[in-house]
Amino acid sequence: MSNLEEQLKKLFPDHIPTEPEPEVPQEHELFVQKEPMICKYEKRKGKPTTIIEGYEGEDEDFKILAKEIKTKLSVGGSFKDGAIIIQGDYRDKIMNLLKEKGFKVKRVGG
């Protein structure tokens, strides 16, 4: 790294290096909607799945939410066609998680 700094000093002899500001991780604010999201249980190819749909915000936010759910529950899943698909029946846990975040959730089926 110091080799690069020496080269830069030769190129810009008048430059005074400054300390980089420490990055503060920004807490991403999710869009909280008025309509409840739908949390339903389905069997796909014989396997239980939990599907969350009805999010009105940006797809990017919904993907972040999907990643968070998968990480917290340590389960696999995907984001497809505006729905989060989680492997296994985790409706209660997911609904509690979403309620903690301020979302309204409606349980459908089973």
Protein backbone atom coordinates (compact mmCIF):
# COMPACT_ATOMS: atom_id res chain seq x y z
CA MET A 1 0.00 0.00 0.00
CA SER A 2 2.80 2.43 0.84
CA ASN A 3 4.21 1.99 -2.68
CA LEU A 4 0.98 3.39 -4.07
CA GLU A 5 1.11 6.30 -1.62
CA GLU A 6 4.67 7.14 -2.72
CA GLN A 7 3.60 7.14 -6.38
CA LEU A 8 0.68 9.43 -5.56
CA LYS A 9 3.01 11.83 -3.70
CA LYS A 10 5.17 12.06 -6.82
CA LEU A 11 2.12 12.78 -8.97
CA PHE A 12 0.54 15.26 -6.53
CA PRO A 13 3.34 16.80 -4.43
CA ASP A 14 1.08 19.57 -3.01
CA HIS A 15 -1.68 17.22 -1.81
CA ILE A 16 -2.22 16.98 1.94
CA PRO A 17 -3.71 13.57 2.79
CA THR A 18 -6.76 13.62 5.06
CA GLU A 19 -8.06 10.86 7.29
CA PRO A 20 -11.03 9.09 5.74
CA GLU A 21 -14.25 9.59 7.70
CA PRO A 22 -15.47 6.42 9.36
CA GLU A 23 -18.49 5.05 7.52
CA VAL A 24 -21.66 4.96 9.57
CA PRO A 25 -23.88 2.12 8.37
CA GLN A 26 -27.22 3.59 7.38
CA GLU A 27 -30.27 1.80 8.81
CA HIS A 28 -32.44 1.08 5.79
CA GLU A 29 -35.99 2.34 6.35
CA LEU A 30 -38.59 -0.04 4.99
CA PHE A 31 -41.82 1.28 3.56
CA VAL A 32 -44.63 0.35 5.95
CA GLN A 33 -47.96 0.10 4.21
CA LYS A 34 -51.57 0.39 5.28
CA GLU A 35 -52.79 -2.82 3.65
CA PRO A 36 -51.82 -6.08 5.39
CA MET A 37 -49.33 -8.40 3.76
CA ILE A 38 -50.55 -11.91 3.14
CA CYS A 39 -48.71 -14.82 4.73
CA LYS A 40 -49.91 -18.14 3.35
CA TYR A 41 -48.92 -21.78 3.46
CA GLU A 42 -48.71 -23.92 0.37
CA LYS A 43 -47.26 -27.22 -0.61
CA ARG A 44 -45.11 -26.96 -3.70
CA LYS A 45 -43.76 -30.14 -5.22
CA GLY A 46 -44.78 -31.92 -2.01
CA LYS A 47 -42.74 -29.59 0.19
CA PRO A 48 -44.19 -27.07 2.64
CA THR A 49 -43.60 -23.41 1.76
CA THR A 50 -44.58 -20.11 3.32
CA ILE A 51 -45.40 -17.34 0.87
CA ILE A 52 -45.47 -13.65 1.79
CA GLU A 53 -47.01 -11.29 -0.73
CA GLY A 54 -48.85 -8.00 -0.94
CA TYR A 55 -45.92 -5.64 -0.27
CA GLU A 56 -46.54 -2.22 -1.83
CA GLY A 57 -43.05 -0.72 -1.50
CA GLU A 58 -39.98 -1.10 -3.70
CA ASP A 59 -38.88 -4.57 -4.83
CA GLU A 60 -35.42 -3.81 -3.41
CA ASP A 61 -36.93 -3.30 0.07
CA PHE A 62 -38.89 -6.53 -0.23
CA LYS A 63 -35.68 -8.36 -1.20
CA ILE A 64 -33.93 -6.91 1.87
CA LEU A 65 -36.85 -8.10 3.99
CA ALA A 66 -36.63 -11.57 2.38
CA LYS A 67 -32.92 -11.78 3.19
CA GLU A 68 -33.55 -10.69 6.78
CA ILE A 69 -36.27 -13.32 7.28
CA LYS A 70 -34.10 -16.06 5.79
CA THR A 71 -31.14 -15.04 7.98
CA LYS A 72 -33.15 -14.77 11.22
CA LEU A 73 -34.90 -18.10 10.72
CA SER A 74 -31.86 -19.80 9.15
CA VAL A 75 -33.95 -21.12 6.29
CA GLY A 76 -33.72 -21.17 2.54
CA GLY A 77 -36.02 -19.27 0.27
CA SER A 78 -36.26 -16.92 -2.67
CA PHE A 79 -37.83 -13.76 -3.97
CA LYS A 80 -39.89 -14.23 -7.10
CA ASP A 81 -42.69 -12.31 -8.87
CA GLY A 82 -43.28 -9.90 -5.97
CA ALA A 83 -43.49 -12.67 -3.35
CA ILE A 84 -41.09 -14.05 -0.77
CA ILE A 85 -41.05 -17.84 -0.81
CA ILE A 86 -39.64 -19.46 2.34
CA GLN A 87 -38.95 -23.18 2.57
CA GLY A 88 -40.99 -24.74 5.37
CA ASP A 89 -44.01 -23.68 7.42
CA TYR A 90 -42.81 -20.63 9.35
CA ARG A 91 -46.00 -18.55 9.25
CA ASP A 92 -46.14 -17.78 12.98
CA LYS A 93 -42.46 -16.84 13.26
CA ILE A 94 -42.57 -14.73 10.09
CA MET A 95 -45.78 -13.00 11.16
CA ASN A 96 -44.25 -12.11 14.55
CA LEU A 97 -41.12 -10.83 12.83
CA LEU A 98 -43.15 -8.64 10.45
CA LYS A 99 -45.37 -7.33 13.27
CA GLU A 100 -42.26 -6.29 15.22
CA LYS A 101 -41.26 -4.23 12.18
CA GLY A 102 -44.65 -2.50 12.15
CA PHE A 103 -46.30 -4.42 9.30
CA LYS A 104 -49.87 -5.69 9.35
CA VAL A 105 -50.00 -9.35 8.40
CA LYS A 106 -52.97 -11.48 7.44
CA ARG A 107 -52.81 -15.26 7.76
CA VAL A 108 -54.36 -17.12 4.84
CA GLY A 109 -55.05 -20.85 4.58
CA GLY A 110 -54.52 -23.70 7.05
